[in-house]
Structures are given as C-alpha cells and as structure tokens.
C-alpha cells in the first residue's frame, strides 16, 4: 500500500495585503464592487497595516480577483450555498473556483434558461483539496488562503461548455480586503485552514436525478461561450438560486 501524504499546518504567515482604497475604487468604476454609501458600515474596507486579516464584526475576507471572476454582493443563492455545502469559508476558495461557479451560473441562466441547478452542478463538478508542496517527500503544507478547489470532474469535459480559465493567478493571496457580509449569508471569517478534503467533496447527484443531469452535452459544444461569460457586473452576481432548496436543501446527499 502506498504511503499516505502528510499535511502539516501552514508555517508562513498570512500574505500581506497590498490592496489600497484606490484599488477598490477601480473595481467600483468597473461595476465589480458596490460604491460606498456613506453609512456606518461601509460596503468594503481596505486593510490598514495589519499583518493578519482582522475583519470587523459583520465582514469577511475577500480578494479582488474573486470579483473580477464573477462574484458580487449581494451573493446569489448558489454562491452562498457553495461554502456552506463544502464546509469551508469564503477565503478557502481560489479565483478559478469562483470563475467555475460564475460560468456555471451563466450557462444555466443564459443558455439553459433555468436557475443554477444543484444536481447538475454536482454531476459536473467536484471539490479537490489543495496543499502546497514542501522540500520533504510526501509532506505537503496547508495554505491560509485557498485549500478547496472547485473543478470539472474528469470525464465531464465533453458534457460541458468550452471555457478557458486563467492559467496563473500568481500573487492573488496578497490582494485581500474586507467585504461586508450582508445578512450574514457567508460563513463568518475565523482564519479557517483546510487540512483535508470533506467527505462530501466528490459526491454526485442523487441516483434518482443522475439520468437527467446532462441536458446540454451537444449544444454547449457548438455554442459561442463568450456570449455566456459577462464580468462581475452581470446578472450572475445577483440572480439565480438552487432549485432544490425548497425540498430538502439543495439536494444535499447524506
């Protein structure tokens, strides 16, 4: 039997954030972030000089690439479901995971004409554990940001739309800021570090719906994907939902 890989806690501190108010105002100018309304709880806050993220109560840690890849507030029902279902916090995703979810929402709403469908999501996608490599063989190190990667299942490429993700997001861990968690829809920030995959990360849809989970294998291959991929200011930031929430919680398999 092959030796198991050991995962050790992160040794490095949180990456220092280089995000400024001007950086966040640039996202506002592109309609990727709400403008400040002047209320007692701003929609977002730039870090000051703190080394570790310490968001005020009611805020979570977000990253500017998340908003460039399609995340927006108020978070859609589908986006809210993801961290709760996989048992992680928002900072445990990475930019390409957010892009995968945003593209899926655009496919459902813009091509299929339906709300994001949870069984279809679990049919096509799974979550994989990520840890950084070390100098020691079969020893990997957990990371402070990321850890849960959402990706297309092996063998499902021909059933899904052709979409190219950014091949390198180098430095994204340094681009964090504080985002107001409206109505507490996202898990509160606790500096959670993912050290292992969850038991449900690779679960697929219920057997009773598995046969009907691939309604677009041929049309999506022949369509023009770019028409389905608006940026973060598009309806995929605020629309959608999970069609199974009203009858059993997003089709969560137990």
C-alpha atoms as a PDB file:
ATOM      1  CA  UNK A   1       0.000   0.000   0.000  1.00  0.00           C
ATOM      2  CA  UNK A   2       1.351   3.432  -0.948  1.00  0.00           C
ATOM      3  CA  UNK A   3       2.479   5.717   1.826  1.00  0.00           C
ATOM      4  CA  UNK A   4      -0.005   8.438   2.656  1.00  0.00           C
ATOM      5  CA  UNK A   5       0.893  12.094   2.240  1.00  0.00           C
ATOM      6  CA  UNK A   6       1.205  14.031   5.480  1.00  0.00           C
ATOM      7  CA  UNK A   7      -0.296  17.516   5.632  1.00  0.00           C
ATOM      8  CA  UNK A   8       1.300  19.919   8.090  1.00  0.00           C
ATOM      9  CA  UNK A   9      -0.130  23.256   9.302  1.00  0.00           C
ATOM     10  CA  UNK A  10       0.964  26.388   7.446  1.00  0.00           C
ATOM     11  CA  UNK A  11       4.311  27.734   8.597  1.00  0.00           C
ATOM     12  CA  UNK A  12       4.099  31.002   6.699  1.00  0.00           C
ATOM     13  CA  UNK A  13       2.088  33.963   7.992  1.00  0.00           C
ATOM     14  CA  UNK A  14      -0.843  35.385   6.081  1.00  0.00           C
ATOM     15  CA  UNK A  15       0.348  37.124   2.906  1.00  0.00           C
ATOM     16  CA  UNK A  16       0.483  40.860   3.492  1.00  0.00           C
ATOM     17  CA  UNK A  17      -2.253  42.683   1.585  1.00  0.00           C
ATOM     18  CA  UNK A  18      -1.194  45.274  -0.967  1.00  0.00           C
ATOM     19  CA  UNK A  19      -4.773  46.411  -1.651  1.00  0.00           C
ATOM     20  CA  UNK A  20      -5.495  50.118  -1.279  1.00  0.00           C
ATOM     21  CA  UNK A  21      -8.651  52.208  -1.355  1.00  0.00           C
ATOM     22  CA  UNK A  22      -7.701  53.211  -4.897  1.00  0.00           C
ATOM     23  CA  UNK A  23      -7.624  49.554  -5.965  1.00  0.00           C
ATOM     24  CA  UNK A  24     -11.131  49.014  -4.614  1.00  0.00           C
ATOM     25  CA  UNK A  25     -12.389  52.231  -6.187  1.00  0.00           C
ATOM     26  CA  UNK A  26     -11.119  50.861  -9.515  1.00  0.00           C
ATOM     27  CA  UNK A  27     -13.380  47.819  -9.028  1.00  0.00           C
ATOM     28  CA  UNK A  28     -16.265  50.182  -8.274  1.00  0.00           C
ATOM     29  CA  UNK A  29     -15.564  52.025 -11.529  1.00  0.00           C
ATOM     30  CA  UNK A  30     -15.879  48.728 -13.392  1.00  0.00           C
ATOM     31  CA  UNK A  31     -19.158  47.896 -11.590  1.00  0.00           C
ATOM     32  CA  UNK A  32     -17.491  44.933  -9.900  1.00  0.00           C
ATOM     33  CA  UNK A  33     -17.956  46.324  -6.386  1.00  0.00           C
ATOM     34  CA  UNK A  34     -20.658  48.456  -4.806  1.00  0.00           C
ATOM     35  CA  UNK A  35     -19.759  52.100  -4.189  1.00  0.00           C
ATOM     36  CA  UNK A  36     -19.554  53.285  -0.617  1.00  0.00           C
ATOM     37  CA  UNK A  37     -22.929  54.598   0.529  1.00  0.00           C
ATOM     38  CA  UNK A  38     -21.601  56.622   3.443  1.00  0.00           C
ATOM     39  CA  UNK A  39     -23.364  54.588   6.106  1.00  0.00           C
ATOM     40  CA  UNK A  40     -21.902  53.498   9.459  1.00  0.00           C
ATOM     41  CA  UNK A  41     -20.924  50.105   7.987  1.00  0.00           C
ATOM     42  CA  UNK A  42     -19.144  50.638   4.670  1.00  0.00           C
ATOM     43  CA  UNK A  43     -19.708  48.111   1.915  1.00  0.00           C
ATOM     44  CA  UNK A  44     -15.973  47.343   1.925  1.00  0.00           C
ATOM     45  CA  UNK A  45     -12.825  48.296   3.776  1.00  0.00           C
ATOM     46  CA  UNK A  46      -9.210  48.334   2.667  1.00  0.00           C
ATOM     47  CA  UNK A  47      -6.741  46.811   5.131  1.00  0.00           C
ATOM     48  CA  UNK A  48      -4.613  49.237   7.076  1.00  0.00           C
ATOM     49  CA  UNK A  49      -1.239  47.903   8.202  1.00  0.00           C
ATOM     50  CA  UNK A  50      -2.334  44.688   9.912  1.00  0.00           C
ATOM     51  CA  UNK A  51      -0.345  41.571   9.013  1.00  0.00           C
ATOM     52  CA  UNK A  52      -3.188  39.090   9.566  1.00  0.00           C
ATOM     53  CA  UNK A  53      -6.745  39.736   8.392  1.00  0.00           C
ATOM     54  CA  UNK A  54      -8.870  41.019  11.271  1.00  0.00           C
ATOM     55  CA  UNK A  55     -12.222  41.959   9.748  1.00  0.00           C
ATOM     56  CA  UNK A  56     -14.651  43.884  11.934  1.00  0.00           C
ATOM     57  CA  UNK A  57     -17.813  42.056  13.016  1.00  0.00           C
ATOM     58  CA  UNK A  58     -20.093  41.540  10.035  1.00  0.00           C
ATOM     59  CA  UNK A  59     -17.267  41.419   7.479  1.00  0.00           C
ATOM     60  CA  UNK A  60     -15.436  38.616   5.692  1.00  0.00           C
ATOM     61  CA  UNK A  61     -12.158  38.470   3.803  1.00  0.00           C
ATOM     62  CA  UNK A  62     -12.492  38.704   0.038  1.00  0.00           C
ATOM     63  CA  UNK A  63      -9.978  39.049  -2.792  1.00  0.00           C
ATOM     64  CA  UNK A  64     -10.128  41.417  -5.748  1.00  0.00           C
ATOM     65  CA  UNK A  65      -9.758  38.545  -8.289  1.00  0.00           C
ATOM     66  CA  UNK A  66     -12.928  36.954  -6.876  1.00  0.00           C
ATOM     67  CA  UNK A  67     -14.898  39.999  -8.022  1.00  0.00           C
ATOM     68  CA  UNK A  68     -13.113  40.089 -11.356  1.00  0.00           C
ATOM     69  CA  UNK A  69     -14.101  36.429 -11.875  1.00  0.00           C
ATOM     70  CA  UNK A  70     -17.826  36.930 -11.264  1.00  0.00           C
ATOM     71  CA  UNK A  71     -18.571  37.203  -7.535  1.00  0.00           C
ATOM     72  CA  UNK A  72     -20.759  40.054  -6.383  1.00  0.00           C
ATOM     73  CA  UNK A  73     -22.803  41.214  -3.410  1.00  0.00           C
ATOM     74  CA  UNK A  74     -25.497  40.543  -2.530  1.00  0.00           C
ATOM     75  CA  UNK A  75     -24.323  36.996  -3.103  1.00  0.00           C
ATOM     76  CA  UNK A  76     -26.620  34.791  -5.150  1.00  0.00           C
ATOM     77  CA  UNK A  77     -28.245  31.783  -3.545  1.00  0.00           C
ATOM     78  CA  UNK A  78     -25.982  29.452  -5.474  1.00  0.00           C
ATOM     79  CA  UNK A  79     -22.792  31.267  -4.438  1.00  0.00           C
ATOM     80  CA  UNK A  80     -23.988  31.288  -0.824  1.00  0.00           C
ATOM     81  CA  UNK A  81     -24.569  27.529  -0.938  1.00  0.00           C
ATOM     82  CA  UNK A  82     -21.024  26.666  -2.005  1.00  0.00           C
ATOM     83  CA  UNK A  83     -19.034  27.410   1.185  1.00  0.00           C
ATOM     84  CA  UNK A  84     -21.799  26.033   3.401  1.00  0.00           C
ATOM     85  CA  UNK A  85     -22.077  22.780   1.454  1.00  0.00           C
ATOM     86  CA  UNK A  86     -18.330  22.169   1.266  1.00  0.00           C
ATOM     87  CA  UNK A  87     -17.822  23.223   4.888  1.00  0.00           C
ATOM     88  CA  UNK A  88     -15.307  25.984   4.197  1.00  0.00           C
ATOM     89  CA  UNK A  89     -15.052  29.759   4.429  1.00  0.00           C
ATOM     90  CA  UNK A  90     -15.003  32.187   1.526  1.00  0.00           C
ATOM     91  CA  UNK A  91     -11.211  32.642   1.638  1.00  0.00           C
ATOM     92  CA  UNK A  92     -10.758  28.852   1.245  1.00  0.00           C
ATOM     93  CA  UNK A  93     -11.686  29.111  -2.455  1.00  0.00           C
ATOM     94  CA  UNK A  94      -9.379  30.465  -5.153  1.00  0.00           C
ATOM     95  CA  UNK A  95     -10.060  32.744  -8.153  1.00  0.00           C
ATOM     96  CA  UNK A  96     -10.564  29.902 -10.622  1.00  0.00           C
ATOM     97  CA  UNK A  97     -13.058  28.227  -8.283  1.00  0.00           C
ATOM     98  CA  UNK A  98     -15.100  31.431  -8.261  1.00  0.00           C
ATOM     99  CA  UNK A  99     -14.810  31.568 -12.051  1.00  0.00           C
ATOM    100  CA  UNK A 100     -16.052  27.974 -12.378  1.00  0.00           C
ATOM    101  CA  UNK A 101     -19.107  28.776 -10.268  1.00  0.00           C
ATOM    102  CA  UNK A 102     -19.809  32.026 -12.166  1.00  0.00           C
ATOM    103  CA  UNK A 103     -19.516  30.312 -15.552  1.00  0.00           C
ATOM    104  CA  UNK A 104     -21.851  27.540 -14.394  1.00  0.00           C
ATOM    105  CA  UNK A 105     -24.428  30.137 -13.329  1.00  0.00           C
ATOM    106  CA  UNK A 106     -24.118  31.876 -16.693  1.00  0.00           C
ATOM    107  CA  UNK A 107     -24.592  28.563 -18.533  1.00  0.00           C
ATOM    108  CA  UNK A 108     -27.716  27.728 -16.523  1.00  0.00           C
ATOM    109  CA  UNK A 109     -29.295  31.184 -16.772  1.00  0.00           C
ATOM    110  CA  UNK A 110     -28.056  32.345 -20.180  1.00  0.00           C
ATOM    111  CA  UNK A 111     -28.091  29.092 -22.132  1.00  0.00           C
ATOM    112  CA  UNK A 112     -30.453  26.639 -20.407  1.00  0.00           C
ATOM    113  CA  UNK A 113     -32.843  29.319 -19.145  1.00  0.00           C
ATOM    114  CA  UNK A 114     -33.018  27.869 -15.626  1.00  0.00           C
ATOM    115  CA  UNK A 115     -31.811  28.793 -12.162  1.00  0.00           C
ATOM    116  CA  UNK A 116     -28.475  27.184 -11.238  1.00  0.00           C
ATOM    117  CA  UNK A 117     -29.331  23.532 -10.627  1.00  0.00           C
ATOM    118  CA  UNK A 118     -27.573  21.848  -7.723  1.00  0.00           C
ATOM    119  CA  UNK A 119     -27.777  18.292  -9.037  1.00  0.00           C
ATOM    120  CA  UNK A 120     -26.347  19.440 -12.349  1.00  0.00           C
ATOM    121  CA  UNK A 121     -23.517  21.168 -10.500  1.00  0.00           C
ATOM    122  CA  UNK A 122     -22.589  18.055  -8.517  1.00  0.00           C
ATOM    123  CA  UNK A 123     -22.870  15.943 -11.667  1.00  0.00           C
ATOM    124  CA  UNK A 124     -20.284  18.113 -13.430  1.00  0.00           C
ATOM    125  CA  UNK A 125     -18.077  19.406 -10.615  1.00  0.00           C
ATOM    126  CA  UNK A 126     -16.299  18.208  -7.508  1.00  0.00           C
ATOM    127  CA  UNK A 127     -14.058  19.837  -4.916  1.00  0.00           C
ATOM    128  CA  UNK A 128     -10.419  18.874  -4.519  1.00  0.00           C
ATOM    129  CA  UNK A 129      -8.069  19.510  -1.619  1.00  0.00           C
ATOM    130  CA  UNK A 130      -5.034  21.703  -2.271  1.00  0.00           C
ATOM    131  CA  UNK A 131      -1.901  21.937  -0.147  1.00  0.00           C
ATOM    132  CA  UNK A 132       1.472  23.421  -1.065  1.00  0.00           C
ATOM    133  CA  UNK A 133       4.451  21.246  -1.791  1.00  0.00           C
ATOM    134  CA  UNK A 134       7.445  21.154   0.562  1.00  0.00           C
ATOM    135  CA  UNK A 135      11.060  20.053   0.348  1.00  0.00           C
ATOM    136  CA  UNK A 136      10.149  16.796   2.085  1.00  0.00           C
ATOM    137  CA  UNK A 137       8.780  13.910   0.061  1.00  0.00           C
ATOM    138  CA  UNK A 138       5.135  13.064   0.782  1.00  0.00           C
ATOM    139  CA  UNK A 139       4.778  16.086   3.058  1.00  0.00           C
ATOM    140  CA  UNK A 140       2.586  18.972   1.972  1.00  0.00           C
ATOM    141  CA  UNK A 141       1.681  22.167   3.793  1.00  0.00           C
ATOM    142  CA  UNK A 142      -1.824  23.515   4.222  1.00  0.00           C
ATOM    143  CA  UNK A 143      -2.383  27.059   2.973  1.00  0.00           C
ATOM    144  CA  UNK A 144      -4.062  30.005   4.653  1.00  0.00           C
ATOM    145  CA  UNK A 145      -5.922  31.148   1.541  1.00  0.00           C
ATOM    146  CA  UNK A 146      -7.411  28.501  -0.789  1.00  0.00           C
ATOM    147  CA  UNK A 147      -7.433  24.799   0.062  1.00  0.00           C
ATOM    148  CA  UNK A 148     -10.761  23.911  -1.594  1.00  0.00           C
ATOM    149  CA  UNK A 149     -10.594  23.880  -5.395  1.00  0.00           C
ATOM    150  CA  UNK A 150     -13.783  23.543  -7.453  1.00  0.00           C
ATOM    151  CA  UNK A 151     -13.083  21.808 -10.739  1.00  0.00           C
ATOM    152  CA  UNK A 152     -14.756  19.978 -13.584  1.00  0.00           C
ATOM    153  CA  UNK A 153     -14.880  16.245 -12.991  1.00  0.00           C
ATOM    154  CA  UNK A 154     -12.615  14.016 -15.001  1.00  0.00           C
ATOM    155  CA  UNK A 155     -14.584  12.741 -17.976  1.00  0.00           C
ATOM    156  CA  UNK A 156     -17.131  15.583 -17.986  1.00  0.00           C
ATOM    157  CA  UNK A 157     -15.317  17.909 -20.395  1.00  0.00           C
ATOM    158  CA  UNK A 158     -17.360  16.681 -23.370  1.00  0.00           C
ATOM    159  CA  UNK A 159     -20.587  17.296 -21.453  1.00  0.00           C
ATOM    160  CA  UNK A 160     -19.827  20.933 -20.702  1.00  0.00           C
ATOM    161  CA  UNK A 161     -19.095  24.251 -22.321  1.00  0.00           C
ATOM    162  CA  UNK A 162     -15.609  25.054 -23.596  1.00  0.00           C
ATOM    163  CA  UNK A 163     -14.144  27.644 -21.249  1.00  0.00           C
ATOM    164  CA  UNK A 164     -10.544  28.667 -20.639  1.00  0.00           C
ATOM    165  CA  UNK A 165      -9.552  29.714 -17.123  1.00  0.00           C
ATOM    166  CA  UNK A 166      -6.617  31.904 -16.179  1.00  0.00           C
ATOM    167  CA  UNK A 167      -3.541  29.666 -16.133  1.00  0.00           C
ATOM    168  CA  UNK A 168      -1.751  31.674 -13.440  1.00  0.00           C
ATOM    169  CA  UNK A 169      -3.205  33.678 -10.558  1.00  0.00           C
ATOM    170  CA  UNK A 170       0.198  34.321  -9.017  1.00  0.00           C
ATOM    171  CA  UNK A 171       0.084  36.776  -6.138  1.00  0.00           C
ATOM    172  CA  UNK A 172      -3.684  36.726  -5.616  1.00  0.00           C
ATOM    173  CA  UNK A 173      -3.301  35.899  -1.908  1.00  0.00           C
ATOM    174  CA  UNK A 174      -1.854  39.403  -1.431  1.00  0.00           C
ATOM    175  CA  UNK A 175      -4.962  41.113  -2.763  1.00  0.00           C
ATOM    176  CA  UNK A 176      -7.354  40.700   0.148  1.00  0.00           C
ATOM    177  CA  UNK A 177      -9.710  43.222   1.704  1.00  0.00           C
ATOM    178  CA  UNK A 178     -12.766  43.285   3.947  1.00  0.00           C
ATOM    179  CA  UNK A 179     -16.213  42.799   2.431  1.00  0.00           C
ATOM    180  CA  UNK A 180     -19.425  43.484   4.319  1.00  0.00           C
ATOM    181  CA  UNK A 181     -21.254  40.200   4.813  1.00  0.00           C
ATOM    182  CA  UNK A 182     -24.791  41.424   4.176  1.00  0.00           C
ATOM    183  CA  UNK A 183     -27.372  39.424   6.142  1.00  0.00           C
ATOM    184  CA  UNK A 184     -24.516  37.114   7.248  1.00  0.00           C
ATOM    185  CA  UNK A 185     -25.089  34.930   4.175  1.00  0.00           C
ATOM    186  CA  UNK A 186     -21.436  33.822   4.016  1.00  0.00           C
ATOM    187  CA  UNK A 187     -19.739  31.858   6.816  1.00  0.00           C
ATOM    188  CA  UNK A 188     -18.051  34.192   9.310  1.00  0.00           C
ATOM    189  CA  UNK A 189     -14.295  34.570   8.976  1.00  0.00           C
ATOM    190  CA  UNK A 190     -12.300  32.563  11.510  1.00  0.00           C
ATOM    191  CA  UNK A 191      -8.978  32.100   9.673  1.00  0.00           C
ATOM    192  CA  UNK A 192     -10.032  28.529   8.915  1.00  0.00           C
ATOM    193  CA  UNK A 193      -7.307  26.411   7.306  1.00  0.00           C
ATOM    194  CA  UNK A 194      -8.386  23.423   5.222  1.00  0.00           C
ATOM    195  CA  UNK A 195      -6.278  20.383   6.132  1.00  0.00           C
ATOM    196  CA  UNK A 196      -8.221  17.620   4.368  1.00  0.00           C
ATOM    197  CA  UNK A 197     -10.997  17.113   1.849  1.00  0.00           C
ATOM    198  CA  UNK A 198     -14.525  16.873   3.193  1.00  0.00           C
ATOM    199  CA  UNK A 199     -16.378  13.580   2.926  1.00  0.00           C
ATOM    200  CA  UNK A 200     -18.918  15.119   0.540  1.00  0.00           C
ATOM    201  CA  UNK A 201     -16.497  16.929  -1.763  1.00  0.00           C
ATOM    202  CA  UNK A 202     -16.745  14.312  -4.502  1.00  0.00           C
ATOM    203  CA  UNK A 203     -20.376  13.349  -4.051  1.00  0.00           C
ATOM    204  CA  UNK A 204     -22.518  13.458  -7.161  1.00  0.00           C
ATOM    205  CA  UNK A 205     -26.256  13.973  -7.536  1.00  0.00           C
ATOM    206  CA  UNK A 206     -28.906  11.677  -6.124  1.00  0.00           C
ATOM    207  CA  UNK A 207     -29.301   8.488  -8.120  1.00  0.00           C
ATOM    208  CA  UNK A 208     -32.894   9.414  -8.945  1.00  0.00           C
ATOM    209  CA  UNK A 209     -31.780  12.553 -10.793  1.00  0.00           C
ATOM    210  CA  UNK A 210     -28.478  11.335 -12.240  1.00  0.00           C
ATOM    211  CA  UNK A 211     -30.029  10.297 -15.547  1.00  0.00           C
ATOM    212  CA  UNK A 212     -31.402  13.774 -16.220  1.00  0.00           C
ATOM    213  CA  UNK A 213     -28.316  15.746 -15.162  1.00  0.00           C
ATOM    214  CA  UNK A 214     -26.832  16.257 -18.640  1.00  0.00           C
ATOM    215  CA  UNK A 215     -29.320  18.193 -20.766  1.00  0.00           C
ATOM    216  CA  UNK A 216     -26.817  20.108 -22.895  1.00  0.00           C
ATOM    217  CA  UNK A 217     -23.869  17.905 -23.894  1.00  0.00           C
ATOM    218  CA  UNK A 218     -24.033  18.650 -27.648  1.00  0.00           C
ATOM    219  CA  UNK A 219     -25.474  22.204 -27.843  1.00  0.00           C
ATOM    220  CA  UNK A 220     -22.902  23.644 -25.420  1.00  0.00           C
ATOM    221  CA  UNK A 221     -20.051  22.327 -27.538  1.00  0.00           C
ATOM    222  CA  UNK A 222     -21.353  24.113 -30.615  1.00  0.00           C
ATOM    223  CA  UNK A 223     -22.397  27.391 -28.976  1.00  0.00           C
ATOM    224  CA  UNK A 224     -20.295  30.517 -28.539  1.00  0.00           C
ATOM    225  CA  UNK A 225     -19.138  30.534 -24.915  1.00  0.00           C
ATOM    226  CA  UNK A 226     -18.047  34.169 -24.863  1.00  0.00           C
ATOM    227  CA  UNK A 227     -21.668  35.284 -25.032  1.00  0.00           C
ATOM    228  CA  UNK A 228     -22.279  33.492 -21.744  1.00  0.00           C
ATOM    229  CA  UNK A 229     -19.384  34.965 -19.804  1.00  0.00           C
ATOM    230  CA  UNK A 230     -20.161  38.517 -18.689  1.00  0.00           C
ATOM    231  CA  UNK A 231     -17.994  40.009 -15.959  1.00  0.00           C
ATOM    232  CA  UNK A 232     -18.913  40.509 -12.318  1.00  0.00           C
ATOM    233  CA  UNK A 233     -21.466  43.247 -13.001  1.00  0.00           C
ATOM    234  CA  UNK A 234     -23.681  40.822 -14.897  1.00  0.00           C
ATOM    235  CA  UNK A 235     -26.816  39.112 -13.569  1.00  0.00           C
ATOM    236  CA  UNK A 236     -24.715  36.151 -12.423  1.00  0.00           C
ATOM    237  CA  UNK A 237     -23.648  38.285  -9.457  1.00  0.00           C
ATOM    238  CA  UNK A 238     -27.157  38.640  -8.066  1.00  0.00           C
ATOM    239  CA  UNK A 239     -29.527  36.250  -9.810  1.00  0.00           C
ATOM    240  CA  UNK A 240     -30.051  32.530  -9.667  1.00  0.00           C
ATOM    241  CA  UNK A 241     -30.693  30.092  -6.889  1.00  0.00           C
ATOM    242  CA  UNK A 242     -30.792  26.414  -6.153  1.00  0.00           C
ATOM    243  CA  UNK A 243     -33.895  24.694  -7.439  1.00  0.00           C
ATOM    244  CA  UNK A 244     -33.841  22.048  -4.709  1.00  0.00           C
ATOM    245  CA  UNK A 245     -33.633  24.292  -1.639  1.00  0.00           C
ATOM    246  CA  UNK A 246     -37.361  24.251  -1.020  1.00  0.00           C
ATOM    247  CA  UNK A 247     -37.474  20.457  -0.888  1.00  0.00           C
ATOM    248  CA  UNK A 248     -34.549  19.086   1.010  1.00  0.00           C
ATOM    249  CA  UNK A 249     -31.730  21.594   0.991  1.00  0.00           C
ATOM    250  CA  UNK A 250     -30.133  21.777  -2.425  1.00  0.00           C
ATOM    251  CA  UNK A 251     -30.316  18.043  -2.893  1.00  0.00           C
ATOM    252  CA  UNK A 252     -27.533  17.565  -0.341  1.00  0.00           C
ATOM    253  CA  UNK A 253     -26.684  13.900  -0.151  1.00  0.00           C
ATOM    254  CA  UNK A 254     -26.387  12.485   3.357  1.00  0.00           C
END
